[in-house]
C-alpha atoms as a PDB file:
ATOM      1  CA  MET A   1      56.410  60.165  17.356  1.00  0.00           C
ATOM      2  CA  ALA A   2      58.329  63.218  18.326  1.00  0.00           C
ATOM      3  CA  GLU A   3      56.316  63.320  21.885  1.00  0.00           C
ATOM      4  CA  ASN A   4      57.499  59.553  22.907  1.00  0.00           C
ATOM      5  CA  GLN A   5      60.948  60.398  21.644  1.00  0.00           C
ATOM      6  CA  SER A   6      61.004  63.093  23.726  1.00  0.00           C
ATOM      7  CA  GLU A   7      59.758  61.067  26.619  1.00  0.00           C
ATOM      8  CA  ARG A   8      62.429  58.607  25.843  1.00  0.00           C
ATOM      9  CA  THR A   9      65.205  61.486  25.620  1.00  0.00           C
ATOM     10  CA  ARG A  10      64.058  62.692  29.300  1.00  0.00           C
ATOM     11  CA  ALA A  11      63.969  59.139  30.792  1.00  0.00           C
ATOM     12  CA  VAL A  12      67.656  58.877  29.534  1.00  0.00           C
ATOM     13  CA  ILE A  13      68.445  62.167  30.817  1.00  0.00           C
ATOM     14  CA  ASP A  14      66.869  61.706  34.382  1.00  0.00           C
ATOM     15  CA  LYS A  15      68.516  58.005  34.765  1.00  0.00           C
ATOM     16  CA  LEU A  16      71.781  60.183  34.000  1.00  0.00           C
ATOM     17  CA  TYR A  17      71.384  62.769  36.760  1.00  0.00           C
ATOM     18  CA  ASP A  18      69.989  60.386  38.863  1.00  0.00           C
ATOM     19  CA  ALA A  19      73.572  58.588  38.414  1.00  0.00           C
ATOM     20  CA  TYR A  20      75.832  61.621  38.707  1.00  0.00           C
ATOM     21  CA  LEU A  21      73.803  62.653  41.960  1.00  0.00           C
ATOM     22  CA  THR A  22      74.451  59.866  43.620  1.00  0.00           C
ATOM     23  CA  GLY A  23      78.301  59.724  42.685  1.00  0.00           C
ATOM     24  CA  ASN A  24      77.568  56.494  40.265  1.00  0.00           C
ATOM     25  CA  THR A  25      80.125  57.096  37.012  1.00  0.00           C
ATOM     26  CA  GLU A  26      79.754  53.646  35.821  1.00  0.00           C
ATOM     27  CA  GLY A  27      75.991  54.107  35.915  1.00  0.00           C
ATOM     28  CA  MET A  28      76.158  57.433  33.960  1.00  0.00           C
ATOM     29  CA  LEU A  29      78.484  55.578  31.445  1.00  0.00           C
ATOM     30  CA  ALA A  30      75.945  52.566  30.856  1.00  0.00           C
ATOM     31  CA  LEU A  31      73.692  55.119  29.654  1.00  0.00           C
ATOM     32  CA  MET A  32      76.554  56.309  26.884  1.00  0.00           C
ATOM     33  CA  ALA A  33      76.782  54.442  23.453  1.00  0.00           C
ATOM     34  CA  PRO A  34      79.749  52.945  22.952  1.00  0.00           C
ATOM     35  CA  ASP A  35      81.243  55.627  20.342  1.00  0.00           C
ATOM     36  CA  VAL A  36      79.844  58.651  22.861  1.00  0.00           C
ATOM     37  CA  ALA A  37      81.523  62.098  22.148  1.00  0.00           C
ATOM     38  CA  VAL A  38      81.731  63.545  25.522  1.00  0.00           C
ATOM     39  CA  THR A  39      83.108  67.066  25.665  1.00  0.00           C
ATOM     40  CA  PHE A  40      83.662  69.639  28.501  1.00  0.00           C
ATOM     41  CA  ASN A  41      84.770  73.036  27.684  1.00  0.00           C
ATOM     42  CA  TYR A  42      87.348  73.129  29.649  1.00  0.00           C
ATOM     43  CA  ALA A  43      88.597  70.088  28.713  1.00  0.00           C
ATOM     44  CA  GLY A  44      88.408  68.866  25.440  1.00  0.00           C
ATOM     45  CA  THR A  45      86.362  65.910  23.447  1.00  0.00           C
ATOM     46  CA  PHE A  46      86.792  62.221  24.372  1.00  0.00           C
ATOM     47  CA  ARG A  47      85.429  59.796  22.152  1.00  0.00           C
ATOM     48  CA  GLY A  48      83.984  56.520  22.954  1.00  0.00           C
ATOM     49  CA  MET A  49      84.641  54.804  26.405  1.00  0.00           C
ATOM     50  CA  ALA A  50      88.566  54.608  26.043  1.00  0.00           C
ATOM     51  CA  GLU A  51      88.588  58.278  26.271  1.00  0.00           C
ATOM     52  CA  ALA A  52      85.408  58.725  28.421  1.00  0.00           C
ATOM     53  CA  ARG A  53      85.366  56.742  31.148  1.00  0.00           C
ATOM     54  CA  PRO A  54      89.129  58.204  32.369  1.00  0.00           C
ATOM     55  CA  PHE A  55      87.729  61.698  32.179  1.00  0.00           C
ATOM     56  CA  MET A  56      84.219  61.333  34.008  1.00  0.00           C
ATOM     57  CA  THR A  57      86.212  59.378  36.561  1.00  0.00           C
ATOM     58  CA  TRP A  58      88.518  62.168  36.951  1.00  0.00           C
ATOM     59  CA  ASN A  59      86.468  64.722  36.689  1.00  0.00           C
ATOM     60  CA  GLY A  60      84.141  63.172  39.301  1.00  0.00           C
ATOM     61  CA  ALA A  61      86.709  63.127  41.472  1.00  0.00           C
ATOM     62  CA  GLN A  62      87.326  67.314  41.310  1.00  0.00           C
ATOM     63  CA  LEU A  63      84.639  68.117  43.586  1.00  0.00           C
ATOM     64  CA  PRO A  64      84.277  65.747  46.600  1.00  0.00           C
ATOM     65  CA  GLU A  65      81.983  68.065  48.354  1.00  0.00           C
ATOM     66  CA  LEU A  66      79.143  69.166  46.185  1.00  0.00           C
ATOM     67  CA  THR A  67      75.534  70.622  46.087  1.00  0.00           C
ATOM     68  CA  PHE A  68      74.403  70.140  42.329  1.00  0.00           C
ATOM     69  CA  ASN A  69      70.758  71.478  41.231  1.00  0.00           C
ATOM     70  CA  VAL A  70      68.811  70.827  38.175  1.00  0.00           C
ATOM     71  CA  ARG A  71      67.311  74.184  37.520  1.00  0.00           C
ATOM     72  CA  HIS A  72      65.715  73.634  33.671  1.00  0.00           C
ATOM     73  CA  LYS A  73      65.450  70.979  31.590  1.00  0.00           C
ATOM     74  CA  ILE A  74      64.508  71.300  28.219  1.00  0.00           C
ATOM     75  CA  VAL A  75      63.714  68.348  25.899  1.00  0.00           C
ATOM     76  CA  ASP A  76      62.771  68.318  22.279  1.00  0.00           C
ATOM     77  CA  GLY A  77      62.961  65.050  20.360  1.00  0.00           C
ATOM     78  CA  SER A  78      66.444  63.251  20.656  1.00  0.00           C
ATOM     79  CA  TYR A  79      67.849  66.689  21.992  1.00  0.00           C
ATOM     80  CA  ALA A  80      67.712  67.913  25.417  1.00  0.00           C
ATOM     81  CA  ALA A  81      69.877  70.816  27.630  1.00  0.00           C
ATOM     82  CA  VAL A  82      69.980  71.016  31.417  1.00  0.00           C
ATOM     83  CA  THR A  83      70.828  74.022  33.098  1.00  0.00           C
ATOM     84  CA  TRP A  84      72.295  73.706  36.690  1.00  0.00           C
ATOM     85  CA  ASP A  85      74.164  75.336  39.500  1.00  0.00           C
ATOM     86  CA  GLU A  86      76.644  74.057  41.752  1.00  0.00           C
ATOM     87  CA  THR A  87      78.368  74.804  44.735  1.00  0.00           C
ATOM     88  CA  GLY A  88      80.717  72.746  47.006  1.00  0.00           C
ATOM     89  CA  LYS A  89      84.353  72.399  47.288  1.00  0.00           C
ATOM     90  CA  THR A  90      87.254  71.719  45.029  1.00  0.00           C
ATOM     91  CA  ILE A  91      89.856  68.698  45.698  1.00  0.00           C
ATOM     92  CA  ARG A  92      92.369  71.454  46.662  1.00  0.00           C
ATOM     93  CA  GLY A  93      89.838  72.718  49.514  1.00  0.00           C
ATOM     94  CA  ASP A  94      88.847  75.964  47.582  1.00  0.00           C
ATOM     95  CA  ASP A  95      84.819  77.078  47.525  1.00  0.00           C
ATOM     96  CA  TRP A  96      83.417  76.267  44.406  1.00  0.00           C
ATOM     97  CA  VAL A  97      80.204  78.162  43.179  1.00  0.00           C
ATOM     98  CA  ALA A  98      79.425  77.510  39.348  1.00  0.00           C
ATOM     99  CA  ILE A  99      76.362  77.903  36.760  1.00  0.00           C
ATOM    100  CA  GLY A 100      76.186  75.901  33.155  1.00  0.00           C
ATOM    101  CA  VAL A 101      74.186  73.603  30.749  1.00  0.00           C
ATOM    102  CA  ASP A 102      74.607  70.409  29.283  1.00  0.00           C
ATOM    103  CA  VAL A 103      73.611  69.681  26.018  1.00  0.00           C
ATOM    104  CA  TYR A 104      72.643  65.929  24.575  1.00  0.00           C
ATOM    105  CA  HIS A 105      72.080  63.998  22.245  1.00  0.00           C
ATOM    106  CA  VAL A 106      70.230  60.891  22.683  1.00  0.00           C
ATOM    107  CA  GLU A 107      69.551  57.862  19.845  1.00  0.00           C
ATOM    108  CA  ASP A 108      68.339  54.523  21.040  1.00  0.00           C
ATOM    109  CA  ASP A 109      67.962  55.442  24.115  1.00  0.00           C
ATOM    110  CA  GLN A 110      71.985  55.929  24.398  1.00  0.00           C
ATOM    111  CA  ILE A 111      73.545  59.104  24.679  1.00  0.00           C
ATOM    112  CA  VAL A 112      75.497  59.818  21.780  1.00  0.00           C
ATOM    113  CA  GLU A 113      76.727  63.159  22.485  1.00  0.00           C
ATOM    114  CA  MET A 114      77.190  65.314  25.570  1.00  0.00           C
ATOM    115  CA  THR A 115      78.683  68.650  25.985  1.00  0.00           C
ATOM    116  CA  CYS A 116      79.170  70.496  28.979  1.00  0.00           C
ATOM    117  CA  TYR A 117      79.320  74.359  29.280  1.00  0.00           C
ATOM    118  CA  SER A 118      80.712  76.050  32.517  1.00  0.00           C
ATOM    119  CA  ASP A 119      83.062  79.014  33.513  1.00  0.00           C
ATOM    120  CA  THR A 120      86.372  77.754  31.996  1.00  0.00           C
ATOM    121  CA  ASP A 121      88.320  80.459  33.613  1.00  0.00           C
ATOM    122  CA  LYS A 122      86.793  79.514  37.212  1.00  0.00           C
ATOM    123  CA  VAL A 123      87.951  75.740  36.446  1.00  0.00           C
ATOM    124  CA  ALA A 124      91.447  76.929  34.921  1.00  0.00           C
ATOM    125  CA  ARG A 125      91.837  78.546  38.452  1.00  0.00           C
ATOM    126  CA  LEU A 126      90.627  76.481  40.866  1.00  0.00           C
ATOM    127  CA  LEU A 127      91.098  72.612  39.260  1.00  0.00           C
ATOM    128  CA  ASP A 128      94.250  71.178  38.159  1.00  0.00           C
ATOM    129  CA  PRO A 129      94.117  70.152  34.321  1.00  0.00           C
ATOM    130  CA  TYR A 130      93.190  66.687  33.014  1.00  0.00           C
ATOM    131  CA  PRO A 131      96.032  64.980  33.115  1.00  0.00           C
ATOM    132  CA  GLY A 132      95.011  62.413  30.229  1.00  0.00           C
ATOM    133  CA  GLY A 133      94.187  65.353  28.111  1.00  0.00           C
END
């Protein structure tokens, strides 16, 4: 059972990063439960699609030039952790280099929790604060 759940969780996470890497915010949101909890340590927690959609749309536009690399995916049942690094340019034109980890909880083939941990100091220095928060 756990192996099957791990495979299903991995498939959802793979689809999420496929959507992210092609700039498909709606494709990412389609993989999330209606009552999803999306947390970015530098911006807060956004509950449900009414809060998650505007944040995810805004957040995706902050790094218009981005090279994003998934380094490791660790999947155990309905949970996953993904380490990554990225380089690019911010919306302000500043150089951007970051590392982080995203943690997921998947139920019924939908993401119910997504938490992104990254460098909060760097975000505060190089990106504008989320206007909806």
